[in-house]
């Protein structure tokens, strides 16, 4: 089982999408303004979860709009979504596998 799981992880990590994601992330890390916006939105999201304050939600929307106006960020998010979809698919398949074992 460990070997099979390792193969799945390697398949994702060795994919062109994942390699491109890491490449873009490295480029993004050199853009201080972008990183500041990302850190700021993460902080606001945490605050919003704790407070459900609509003012914080509005701040999040403003920063999100700024981030989505930065091409490298948009591309990064597209690749991140692809990778998350692959991980989600694997997760679903593993859950189905164990569900069948447990229920039979």
PDB file of N, CA and C in Angstrom:
ATOM      1  N   UNK A   1       0.827  -1.196   0.000  1.00  0.00           N
ATOM      2  CA  UNK A   1       0.000   0.000   0.000  1.00  0.00           C
ATOM      3  C   UNK A   1       0.869   1.256   0.000  1.00  0.00           C
ATOM      4  N   UNK A   2       1.936   1.239   0.826  1.00  0.00           N
ATOM      5  CA  UNK A   2       2.835   2.395   0.881  1.00  0.00           C
ATOM      6  C   UNK A   2       3.465   2.673  -0.477  1.00  0.00           C
ATOM      7  N   UNK A   3       3.846   1.600  -1.159  1.00  0.00           N
ATOM      8  CA  UNK A   3       4.477   1.764  -2.473  1.00  0.00           C
ATOM      9  C   UNK A   3       3.496   2.366  -3.475  1.00  0.00           C
ATOM     10  N   UNK A   4       2.269   1.901  -3.448  1.00  0.00           N
ATOM     11  CA  UNK A   4       1.250   2.420  -4.371  1.00  0.00           C
ATOM     12  C   UNK A   4       0.980   3.893  -4.098  1.00  0.00           C
ATOM     13  N   UNK A   5       0.889   4.252  -2.829  1.00  0.00           N
ATOM     14  CA  UNK A   5       0.657   5.644  -2.459  1.00  0.00           C
ATOM     15  C   UNK A   5       1.842   6.516  -2.879  1.00  0.00           C
ATOM     16  N   UNK A   6       3.034   5.999  -2.680  1.00  0.00           N
ATOM     17  CA  UNK A   6       4.237   6.723  -3.093  1.00  0.00           C
ATOM     18  C   UNK A   6       4.246   6.940  -4.600  1.00  0.00           C
ATOM     19  N   UNK A   7       3.798   5.958  -5.365  1.00  0.00           N
ATOM     20  CA  UNK A   7       3.731   6.085  -6.819  1.00  0.00           C
ATOM     21  C   UNK A   7       2.740   7.170  -7.231  1.00  0.00           C
ATOM     22  N   UNK A   8       1.619   7.235  -6.542  1.00  0.00           N
ATOM     23  CA  UNK A   8       0.612   8.255  -6.843  1.00  0.00           C
ATOM     24  C   UNK A   8       1.175   9.637  -6.550  1.00  0.00           C
ATOM     25  N   UNK A   9       1.815   9.785  -5.393  1.00  0.00           N
ATOM     26  CA  UNK A   9       2.419  11.073  -5.025  1.00  0.00           C
ATOM     27  C   UNK A   9       3.472  11.463  -6.049  1.00  0.00           C
ATOM     28  N   UNK A  10       4.320  10.518  -6.424  1.00  0.00           N
ATOM     29  CA  UNK A  10       5.359  10.800  -7.411  1.00  0.00           C
ATOM     30  C   UNK A  10       4.763  11.189  -8.757  1.00  0.00           C
ATOM     31  N   UNK A  11       3.669  10.562  -9.111  1.00  0.00           N
ATOM     32  CA  UNK A  11       3.003  10.890 -10.374  1.00  0.00           C
ATOM     33  C   UNK A  11       2.569  12.351 -10.380  1.00  0.00           C
ATOM     34  N   UNK A  12       2.020  12.808  -9.276  1.00  0.00           N
ATOM     35  CA  UNK A  12       1.593  14.206  -9.182  1.00  0.00           C
ATOM     36  C   UNK A  12       2.800  15.129  -9.158  1.00  0.00           C
ATOM     37  N   UNK A  13       3.777  14.808  -8.313  1.00  0.00           N
ATOM     38  CA  UNK A  13       4.950  15.667  -8.148  1.00  0.00           C
ATOM     39  C   UNK A  13       5.784  15.736  -9.427  1.00  0.00           C
ATOM     40  N   UNK A  14       5.782  14.679 -10.186  1.00  0.00           N
ATOM     41  CA  UNK A  14       6.561  14.655 -11.425  1.00  0.00           C
ATOM     42  C   UNK A  14       5.783  15.208 -12.623  1.00  0.00           C
ATOM     43  N   UNK A  15       4.541  15.569 -12.424  1.00  0.00           N
ATOM     44  CA  UNK A  15       3.744  16.078 -13.541  1.00  0.00           C
ATOM     45  C   UNK A  15       4.226  17.460 -13.978  1.00  0.00           C
ATOM     46  N   UNK A  16       3.992  17.766 -15.236  1.00  0.00           N
ATOM     47  CA  UNK A  16       4.372  19.071 -15.774  1.00  0.00           C
ATOM     48  C   UNK A  16       3.637  20.200 -15.059  1.00  0.00           C
ATOM     49  N   UNK A  17       2.372  19.958 -14.717  1.00  0.00           N
ATOM     50  CA  UNK A  17       1.600  20.985 -14.017  1.00  0.00           C
ATOM     51  C   UNK A  17       2.221  21.325 -12.662  1.00  0.00           C
ATOM     52  N   UNK A  18       2.624  20.304 -11.923  1.00  0.00           N
ATOM     53  CA  UNK A  18       3.218  20.541 -10.604  1.00  0.00           C
ATOM     54  C   UNK A  18       4.568  21.256 -10.735  1.00  0.00           C
ATOM     55  N   UNK A  19       5.358  20.819 -11.686  1.00  0.00           N
ATOM     56  CA  UNK A  19       6.669  21.456 -11.902  1.00  0.00           C
ATOM     57  C   UNK A  19       6.489  22.928 -12.273  1.00  0.00           C
ATOM     58  N   UNK A  20       5.516  23.200 -13.112  1.00  0.00           N
ATOM     59  CA  UNK A  20       5.233  24.586 -13.516  1.00  0.00           C
ATOM     60  C   UNK A  20       4.742  25.399 -12.314  1.00  0.00           C
ATOM     61  N   UNK A  21       3.908  24.788 -11.481  1.00  0.00           N
ATOM     62  CA  UNK A  21       3.408  25.448 -10.287  1.00  0.00           C
ATOM     63  C   UNK A  21       4.564  25.881  -9.381  1.00  0.00           C
ATOM     64  N   UNK A  22       5.505  24.998  -9.161  1.00  0.00           N
ATOM     65  CA  UNK A  22       6.661  25.301  -8.306  1.00  0.00           C
ATOM     66  C   UNK A  22       7.507  26.401  -8.934  1.00  0.00           C
ATOM     67  N   UNK A  23       7.691  26.337 -10.228  1.00  0.00           N
ATOM     68  CA  UNK A  23       8.449  27.357 -10.960  1.00  0.00           C
ATOM     69  C   UNK A  23       7.809  28.743 -10.786  1.00  0.00           C
ATOM     70  N   UNK A  24       6.508  28.793 -10.945  1.00  0.00           N
ATOM     71  CA  UNK A  24       5.781  30.064 -10.811  1.00  0.00           C
ATOM     72  C   UNK A  24       5.844  30.565  -9.380  1.00  0.00           C
ATOM     73  N   UNK A  25       5.717  29.646  -8.430  1.00  0.00           N
ATOM     74  CA  UNK A  25       5.769  30.024  -7.016  1.00  0.00           C
ATOM     75  C   UNK A  25       7.119  30.665  -6.668  1.00  0.00           C
ATOM     76  N   UNK A  26       8.181  30.130  -7.228  1.00  0.00           N
ATOM     77  CA  UNK A  26       9.520  30.712  -7.005  1.00  0.00           C
ATOM     78  C   UNK A  26       9.596  32.131  -7.571  1.00  0.00           C
ATOM     79  N   UNK A  27       9.049  32.323  -8.762  1.00  0.00           N
ATOM     80  CA  UNK A  27       9.041  33.656  -9.371  1.00  0.00           C
ATOM     81  C   UNK A  27       8.206  34.618  -8.529  1.00  0.00           C
ATOM     82  N   UNK A  28       7.079  34.136  -8.057  1.00  0.00           N
ATOM     83  CA  UNK A  28       6.204  34.985  -7.246  1.00  0.00           C
ATOM     84  C   UNK A  28       6.898  35.420  -5.952  1.00  0.00           C
ATOM     85  N   UNK A  29       7.707  34.540  -5.393  1.00  0.00           N
ATOM     86  CA  UNK A  29       8.340  34.837  -4.106  1.00  0.00           C
ATOM     87  C   UNK A  29       9.313  36.011  -4.183  1.00  0.00           C
ATOM     88  N   UNK A  30       9.718  36.371  -5.390  1.00  0.00           N
ATOM     89  CA  UNK A  30      10.626  37.510  -5.548  1.00  0.00           C
ATOM     90  C   UNK A  30       9.882  38.836  -5.687  1.00  0.00           C
ATOM     91  N   UNK A  31       8.565  38.758  -5.827  1.00  0.00           N
ATOM     92  CA  UNK A  31       7.742  39.958  -5.967  1.00  0.00           C
ATOM     93  C   UNK A  31       7.195  40.329  -4.587  1.00  0.00           C
ATOM     94  N   UNK A  32       7.851  41.276  -3.941  1.00  0.00           N
ATOM     95  CA  UNK A  32       7.504  41.635  -2.572  1.00  0.00           C
ATOM     96  C   UNK A  32       6.092  42.192  -2.439  1.00  0.00           C
ATOM     97  N   UNK A  33       5.652  42.965  -3.407  1.00  0.00           N
ATOM     98  CA  UNK A  33       4.301  43.525  -3.368  1.00  0.00           C
ATOM     99  C   UNK A  33       3.259  42.402  -3.422  1.00  0.00           C
ATOM    100  N   UNK A  34       3.475  41.469  -4.314  1.00  0.00           N
ATOM    101  CA  UNK A  34       2.567  40.333  -4.445  1.00  0.00           C
ATOM    102  C   UNK A  34       2.534  39.512  -3.159  1.00  0.00           C
ATOM    103  N   UNK A  35       3.698  39.221  -2.609  1.00  0.00           N
ATOM    104  CA  UNK A  35       3.762  38.429  -1.388  1.00  0.00           C
ATOM    105  C   UNK A  35       3.095  39.155  -0.220  1.00  0.00           C
ATOM    106  N   UNK A  36       3.217  40.464  -0.198  1.00  0.00           N
ATOM    107  CA  UNK A  36       2.569  41.248   0.857  1.00  0.00           C
ATOM    108  C   UNK A  36       1.049  41.120   0.744  1.00  0.00           C
ATOM    109  N   UNK A  37       0.530  41.212  -0.475  1.00  0.00           N
ATOM    110  CA  UNK A  37      -0.912  41.055  -0.698  1.00  0.00           C
ATOM    111  C   UNK A  37      -1.393  39.659  -0.289  1.00  0.00           C
ATOM    112  N   UNK A  38      -0.616  38.648  -0.630  1.00  0.00           N
ATOM    113  CA  UNK A  38      -0.983  37.273  -0.277  1.00  0.00           C
ATOM    114  C   UNK A  38      -1.002  37.103   1.241  1.00  0.00           C
ATOM    115  N   UNK A  39       0.018  37.610   1.909  1.00  0.00           N
ATOM    116  CA  UNK A  39       0.058  37.524   3.372  1.00  0.00           C
ATOM    117  C   UNK A  39      -1.110  38.286   4.001  1.00  0.00           C
ATOM    118  N   UNK A  40      -1.400  39.431   3.432  1.00  0.00           N
ATOM    119  CA  UNK A  40      -2.490  40.268   3.951  1.00  0.00           C
ATOM    120  C   UNK A  40      -3.843  39.563   3.803  1.00  0.00           C
ATOM    121  N   UNK A  41      -4.075  38.954   2.646  1.00  0.00           N
ATOM    122  CA  UNK A  41      -5.364  38.288   2.445  1.00  0.00           C
ATOM    123  C   UNK A  41      -5.492  37.061   3.348  1.00  0.00           C
ATOM    124  N   UNK A  42      -4.400  36.350   3.557  1.00  0.00           N
ATOM    125  CA  UNK A  42      -4.442  35.196   4.464  1.00  0.00           C
ATOM    126  C   UNK A  42      -4.805  35.631   5.878  1.00  0.00           C
ATOM    127  N   UNK A  43      -4.198  36.706   6.327  1.00  0.00           N
ATOM    128  CA  UNK A  43      -4.481  37.229   7.660  1.00  0.00           C
ATOM    129  C   UNK A  43      -5.946  37.654   7.782  1.00  0.00           C
ATOM    130  N   UNK A  44      -6.429  38.372   6.765  1.00  0.00           N
ATOM    131  CA  UNK A  44      -7.823  38.804   6.775  1.00  0.00           C
ATOM    132  C   UNK A  44      -8.793  37.627   6.736  1.00  0.00           C
ATOM    133  N   UNK A  45      -8.455  36.586   5.980  1.00  0.00           N
ATOM    134  CA  UNK A  45      -9.315  35.413   5.916  1.00  0.00           C
ATOM    135  C   UNK A  45      -9.433  34.745   7.294  1.00  0.00           C
ATOM    136  N   UNK A  46      -8.315  34.670   7.995  1.00  0.00           N
ATOM    137  CA  UNK A  46      -8.336  34.103   9.350  1.00  0.00           C
ATOM    138  C   UNK A  46      -9.204  34.953  10.276  1.00  0.00           C
ATOM    139  N   UNK A  47      -9.053  36.270  10.171  1.00  0.00           N
ATOM    140  CA  UNK A  47      -9.872  37.167  10.996  1.00  0.00           C
ATOM    141  C   UNK A  47     -11.351  37.011  10.665  1.00  0.00           C
ATOM    142  N   UNK A  48     -11.646  36.905   9.378  1.00  0.00           N
ATOM    143  CA  UNK A  48     -13.040  36.781   8.953  1.00  0.00           C
ATOM    144  C   UNK A  48     -13.667  35.496   9.498  1.00  0.00           C
ATOM    145  N   UNK A  49     -12.917  34.414   9.464  1.00  0.00           N
ATOM    146  CA  UNK A  49     -13.425  33.136   9.971  1.00  0.00           C
ATOM    147  C   UNK A  49     -13.792  33.261  11.452  1.00  0.00           C
ATOM    148  N   UNK A  50     -12.987  34.005  12.193  1.00  0.00           N
ATOM    149  CA  UNK A  50     -13.241  34.168  13.630  1.00  0.00           C
ATOM    150  C   UNK A  50     -14.393  35.131  13.915  1.00  0.00           C
ATOM    151  N   UNK A  51     -14.551  36.149  13.068  1.00  0.00           N
ATOM    152  CA  UNK A  51     -15.499  37.225  13.394  1.00  0.00           C
ATOM    153  C   UNK A  51     -16.723  37.298  12.491  1.00  0.00           C
ATOM    154  N   UNK A  52     -16.619  36.810  11.272  1.00  0.00           N
ATOM    155  CA  UNK A  52     -17.685  36.952  10.257  1.00  0.00           C
ATOM    156  C   UNK A  52     -18.067  38.423  10.059  1.00  0.00           C
ATOM    157  N   UNK A  53     -17.098  39.288  10.205  1.00  0.00           N
ATOM    158  CA  UNK A  53     -17.293  40.734  10.059  1.00  0.00           C
ATOM    159  C   UNK A  53     -17.358  41.087   8.570  1.00  0.00           C
ATOM    160  N   UNK A  54     -18.463  41.712   8.156  1.00  0.00           N
ATOM    161  CA  UNK A  54     -18.644  42.073   6.751  1.00  0.00           C
ATOM    162  C   UNK A  54     -17.608  43.085   6.259  1.00  0.00           C
ATOM    163  N   UNK A  55     -17.089  43.919   7.147  1.00  0.00           N
ATOM    164  CA  UNK A  55     -16.046  44.887   6.766  1.00  0.00           C
ATOM    165  C   UNK A  55     -14.772  44.158   6.357  1.00  0.00           C
ATOM    166  N   UNK A  56     -14.461  43.100   7.075  1.00  0.00           N
ATOM    167  CA  UNK A  56     -13.280  42.301   6.729  1.00  0.00           C
ATOM    168  C   UNK A  56     -13.509  41.598   5.391  1.00  0.00           C
ATOM    169  N   UNK A  57     -14.712  41.118   5.183  1.00  0.00           N
ATOM    170  CA  UNK A  57     -15.041  40.469   3.908  1.00  0.00           C
ATOM    171  C   UNK A  57     -14.855  41.437   2.742  1.00  0.00           C
ATOM    172  N   UNK A  58     -15.231  42.672   2.930  1.00  0.00           N
ATOM    173  CA  UNK A  58     -15.049  43.689   1.884  1.00  0.00           C
ATOM    174  C   UNK A  58     -13.557  43.929   1.617  1.00  0.00           C
ATOM    175  N   UNK A  59     -12.752  43.962   2.669  1.00  0.00           N
ATOM    176  CA  UNK A  59     -11.302  44.119   2.498  1.00  0.00           C
ATOM    177  C   UNK A  59     -10.730  42.940   1.718  1.00  0.00           C
ATOM    178  N   UNK A  60     -11.220  41.756   2.027  1.00  0.00           N
ATOM    179  CA  UNK A  60     -10.770  40.550   1.318  1.00  0.00           C
ATOM    180  C   UNK A  60     -11.094  40.664  -0.169  1.00  0.00           C
ATOM    181  N   UNK A  61     -12.291  41.129  -0.471  1.00  0.00           N
ATOM    182  CA  UNK A  61     -12.699  41.275  -1.870  1.00  0.00           C
ATOM    183  C   UNK A  61     -11.818  42.271  -2.622  1.00  0.00           C
ATOM    184  N   UNK A  62     -11.445  43.366  -1.948  1.00  0.00           N
ATOM    185  CA  UNK A  62     -10.583  44.376  -2.574  1.00  0.00           C
ATOM    186  C   UNK A  62      -9.212  43.781  -2.871  1.00  0.00           C
ATOM    187  N   UNK A  63      -8.635  43.074  -1.910  1.00  0.00           N
ATOM    188  CA  UNK A  63      -7.308  42.485  -2.103  1.00  0.00           C
ATOM    189  C   UNK A  63      -7.371  41.372  -3.140  1.00  0.00           C
ATOM    190  N   UNK A  64      -8.445  40.598  -3.109  1.00  0.00           N
ATOM    191  CA  UNK A  64      -8.611  39.525  -4.098  1.00  0.00           C
ATOM    192  C   UNK A  64      -8.649  40.105  -5.514  1.00  0.00           C
ATOM    193  N   UNK A  65      -9.329  41.209  -5.677  1.00  0.00           N
ATOM    194  CA  UNK A  65      -9.381  41.864  -6.993  1.00  0.00           C
ATOM    195  C   UNK A  65      -7.993  42.325  -7.424  1.00  0.00           C
ATOM    196  N   UNK A  66      -7.233  42.853  -6.471  1.00  0.00           N
ATOM    197  CA  UNK A  66      -5.861  43.272  -6.795  1.00  0.00           C
ATOM    198  C   UNK A  66      -5.027  42.071  -7.220  1.00  0.00           C
ATOM    199  N   UNK A  67      -5.142  40.987  -6.452  1.00  0.00           N
ATOM    200  CA  UNK A  67      -4.371  39.784  -6.777  1.00  0.00           C
ATOM    201  C   UNK A  67      -4.751  39.246  -8.155  1.00  0.00           C
ATOM    202  N   UNK A  68      -6.033  39.255  -8.453  1.00  0.00           N
ATOM    203  CA  UNK A  68      -6.489  38.727  -9.739  1.00  0.00           C
ATOM    204  C   UNK A  68      -6.195  39.650 -10.913  1.00  0.00           C
ATOM    205  N   UNK A  69      -5.619  40.795 -10.635  1.00  0.00           N
ATOM    206  CA  UNK A  69      -5.169  41.679 -11.710  1.00  0.00           C
ATOM    207  C   UNK A  69      -3.682  41.467 -12.010  1.00  0.00           C
ATOM    208  N   UNK A  70      -3.057  40.570 -11.261  1.00  0.00           N
ATOM    209  CA  UNK A  70      -1.632  40.271 -11.446  1.00  0.00           C
ATOM    210  C   UNK A  70      -1.535  38.950 -12.217  1.00  0.00           C
ATOM    211  N   UNK A  71      -1.077  39.009 -13.463  1.00  0.00           N
ATOM    212  CA  UNK A  71      -1.087  37.817 -14.328  1.00  0.00           C
ATOM    213  C   UNK A  71      -0.398  36.579 -13.744  1.00  0.00           C
ATOM    214  N   UNK A  72       0.750  36.749 -13.122  1.00  0.00           N
ATOM    215  CA  UNK A  72       1.458  35.573 -12.606  1.00  0.00           C
ATOM    216  C   UNK A  72       0.666  34.901 -11.490  1.00  0.00           C
ATOM    217  N   UNK A  73      -0.044  35.684 -10.718  1.00  0.00           N
ATOM    218  CA  UNK A  73      -0.893  35.130  -9.648  1.00  0.00           C
ATOM    219  C   UNK A  73      -2.046  34.334 -10.252  1.00  0.00           C
ATOM    220  N   UNK A  74      -2.658  34.862 -11.280  1.00  0.00           N
ATOM    221  CA  UNK A  74      -3.780  34.180 -11.935  1.00  0.00           C
ATOM    222  C   UNK A  74      -3.312  32.844 -12.507  1.00  0.00           C
ATOM    223  N   UNK A  75      -2.164  32.849 -13.151  1.00  0.00           N
ATOM    224  CA  UNK A  75      -1.613  31.613 -13.717  1.00  0.00           C
ATOM    225  C   UNK A  75      -1.295  30.616 -12.605  1.00  0.00           C
ATOM    226  N   UNK A  76      -0.706  31.106 -11.520  1.00  0.00           N
ATOM    227  CA  UNK A  76      -0.399  30.251 -10.369  1.00  0.00           C
ATOM    228  C   UNK A  76      -1.671  29.590  -9.848  1.00  0.00           C
ATOM    229  N   UNK A  77      -2.717  30.363  -9.693  1.00  0.00           N
ATOM    230  CA  UNK A  77      -3.974  29.836  -9.166  1.00  0.00           C
ATOM    231  C   UNK A  77      -4.577  28.793 -10.111  1.00  0.00           C
ATOM    232  N   UNK A  78      -4.410  28.976 -11.409  1.00  0.00           N
ATOM    233  CA  UNK A  78      -4.912  27.991 -12.375  1.00  0.00           C
ATOM    234  C   UNK A  78      -4.172  26.660 -12.228  1.00  0.00           C
ATOM    235  N   UNK A  79      -2.859  26.727 -12.093  1.00  0.00           N
ATOM    236  CA  UNK A  79      -2.078  25.500 -11.902  1.00  0.00           C
ATOM    237  C   UNK A  79      -2.381  24.873 -10.548  1.00  0.00           C
ATOM    238  N   UNK A  80      -2.553  25.687  -9.530  1.00  0.00           N
ATOM    239  CA  UNK A  80      -2.879  25.173  -8.200  1.00  0.00           C
ATOM    240  C   UNK A  80      -4.216  24.427  -8.234  1.00  0.00           C
ATOM    241  N   UNK A  81      -5.176  24.963  -8.958  1.00  0.00           N
ATOM    242  CA  UNK A  81      -6.474  24.304  -9.081  1.00  0.00           C
ATOM    243  C   UNK A  81      -6.331  22.949  -9.771  1.00  0.00           C
ATOM    244  N   UNK A  82      -5.501  22.889 -10.817  1.00  0.00           N
ATOM    245  CA  UNK A  82      -5.287  21.616 -11.511  1.00  0.00           C
ATOM    246  C   UNK A  82      -4.706  20.571 -10.557  1.00  0.00           C
ATOM    247  N   UNK A  83      -3.703  20.981  -9.785  1.00  0.00           N
ATOM    248  CA  UNK A  83      -3.061  20.054  -8.847  1.00  0.00           C
ATOM    249  C   UNK A  83      -4.048  19.633  -7.764  1.00  0.00           C
ATOM    250  N   UNK A  84      -4.796  20.581  -7.244  1.00  0.00           N
ATOM    251  CA  UNK A  84      -5.791  20.251  -6.216  1.00  0.00           C
ATOM    252  C   UNK A  84      -6.857  19.300  -6.759  1.00  0.00           C
ATOM    253  N   UNK A  85      -7.222  19.460  -8.025  1.00  0.00           N
ATOM    254  CA  UNK A  85      -8.182  18.549  -8.645  1.00  0.00           C
ATOM    255  C   UNK A  85      -7.617  17.124  -8.696  1.00  0.00           C
ATOM    256  N   UNK A  86      -6.342  17.009  -9.055  1.00  0.00           N
ATOM    257  CA  UNK A  86      -5.694  15.691  -9.100  1.00  0.00           C
ATOM    258  C   UNK A  86      -5.661  15.068  -7.707  1.00  0.00           C
ATOM    259  N   UNK A  87      -5.305  15.853  -6.718  1.00  0.00           N
ATOM    260  CA  UNK A  87      -5.254  15.353  -5.346  1.00  0.00           C
ATOM    261  C   UNK A  87      -6.656  14.953  -4.879  1.00  0.00           C
ATOM    262  N   UNK A  88      -7.635  15.757  -5.208  1.00  0.00           N
ATOM    263  CA  UNK A  88      -9.015  15.441  -4.850  1.00  0.00           C
ATOM    264  C   UNK A  88      -9.485  14.148  -5.487  1.00  0.00           C
ATOM    265  N   UNK A  89      -9.118  13.939  -6.738  1.00  0.00           N
ATOM    266  CA  UNK A  89      -9.487  12.712  -7.432  1.00  0.00           C
ATOM    267  C   UNK A  89      -8.871  11.507  -6.730  1.00  0.00           C
ATOM    268  N   UNK A  90      -7.589  11.604  -6.397  1.00  0.00           N
ATOM    269  CA  UNK A  90      -6.905  10.512  -5.702  1.00  0.00           C
ATOM    270  C   UNK A  90      -7.564  10.269  -4.348  1.00  0.00           C
ATOM    271  N   UNK A  91      -7.864  11.330  -3.646  1.00  0.00           N
ATOM    272  CA  UNK A  91      -8.516  11.217  -2.343  1.00  0.00           C
ATOM    273  C   UNK A  91      -9.862  10.497  -2.466  1.00  0.00           C
ATOM    274  N   UNK A  92     -10.644  10.876  -3.463  1.00  0.00           N
ATOM    275  CA  UNK A  92     -11.945  10.226  -3.690  1.00  0.00           C
ATOM    276  C   UNK A  92     -11.782   8.739  -3.987  1.00  0.00           C
ATOM    277  N   UNK A  93     -10.798   8.420  -4.808  1.00  0.00           N
ATOM    278  CA  UNK A  93     -10.566   7.012  -5.166  1.00  0.00           C
ATOM    279  C   UNK A  93     -10.132   6.204  -3.938  1.00  0.00           C
ATOM    280  N   UNK A  94      -9.291   6.781  -3.103  1.00  0.00           N
ATOM    281  CA  UNK A  94      -8.857   6.089  -1.883  1.00  0.00           C
ATOM    282  C   UNK A  94     -10.036   5.896  -0.939  1.00  0.00           C
ATOM    283  N   UNK A  95     -10.852   6.929  -0.787  1.00  0.00           N
ATOM    284  CA  UNK A  95     -12.033   6.810   0.073  1.00  0.00           C
ATOM    285  C   UNK A  95     -12.986   5.735  -0.438  1.00  0.00           C
ATOM    286  N   UNK A  96     -13.207   5.698  -1.750  1.00  0.00           N
ATOM    287  CA  UNK A  96     -14.072   4.675  -2.341  1.00  0.00           C
ATOM    288  C   UNK A  96     -13.508   3.274  -2.103  1.00  0.00           C
ATOM    289  N   UNK A  97     -12.206   3.139  -2.265  1.00  0.00           N
ATOM    290  CA  UNK A  97     -11.538   1.848  -2.076  1.00  0.00           C
ATOM    291  C   UNK A  97     -11.754   1.334  -0.653  1.00  0.00           C
ATOM    292  N   UNK A  98     -11.481   2.188   0.334  1.00  0.00           N
ATOM    293  CA  UNK A  98     -11.630   1.762   1.721  1.00  0.00           C
ATOM    294  C   UNK A  98     -13.088   1.568   2.106  1.00  0.00           C
ATOM    295  N   UNK A  99     -13.958   2.367   1.528  1.00  0.00           N
ATOM    296  CA  UNK A  99     -15.385   2.214   1.791  1.00  0.00           C
ATOM    297  C   UNK A  99     -15.873   0.846   1.308  1.00  0.00           C
ATOM    298  N   UNK A 100     -15.409   0.423   0.139  1.00  0.00           N
ATOM    299  CA  UNK A 100     -15.780  -0.883  -0.385  1.00  0.00           C
ATOM    300  C   UNK A 100     -15.240  -2.001   0.490  1.00  0.00           C
ATOM    301  N   UNK A 101     -14.023  -1.842   0.980  1.00  0.00           N
ATOM    302  CA  UNK A 101     -13.427  -2.862   1.842  1.00  0.00           C
ATOM    303  C   UNK A 101     -14.194  -2.976   3.150  1.00  0.00           C
ATOM    304  N   UNK A 102     -14.516  -1.843   3.734  1.00  0.00           N
ATOM    305  CA  UNK A 102     -15.206  -1.831   5.027  1.00  0.00           C
ATOM    306  C   UNK A 102     -16.634  -2.355   4.908  1.00  0.00           C
ATOM    307  N   UNK A 103     -17.311  -2.001   3.814  1.00  0.00           N
ATOM    308  CA  UNK A 103     -18.707  -2.382   3.647  1.00  0.00           C
ATOM    309  C   UNK A 103     -18.911  -3.780   3.097  1.00  0.00           C
ATOM    310  N   UNK A 104     -17.854  -4.460   2.718  1.00  0.00           N
ATOM    311  CA  UNK A 104     -17.992  -5.840   2.185  1.00  0.00           C
ATOM    312  C   UNK A 104     -17.500  -6.856   3.161  1.00  0.00           C
TER     313      UNK A 104
END
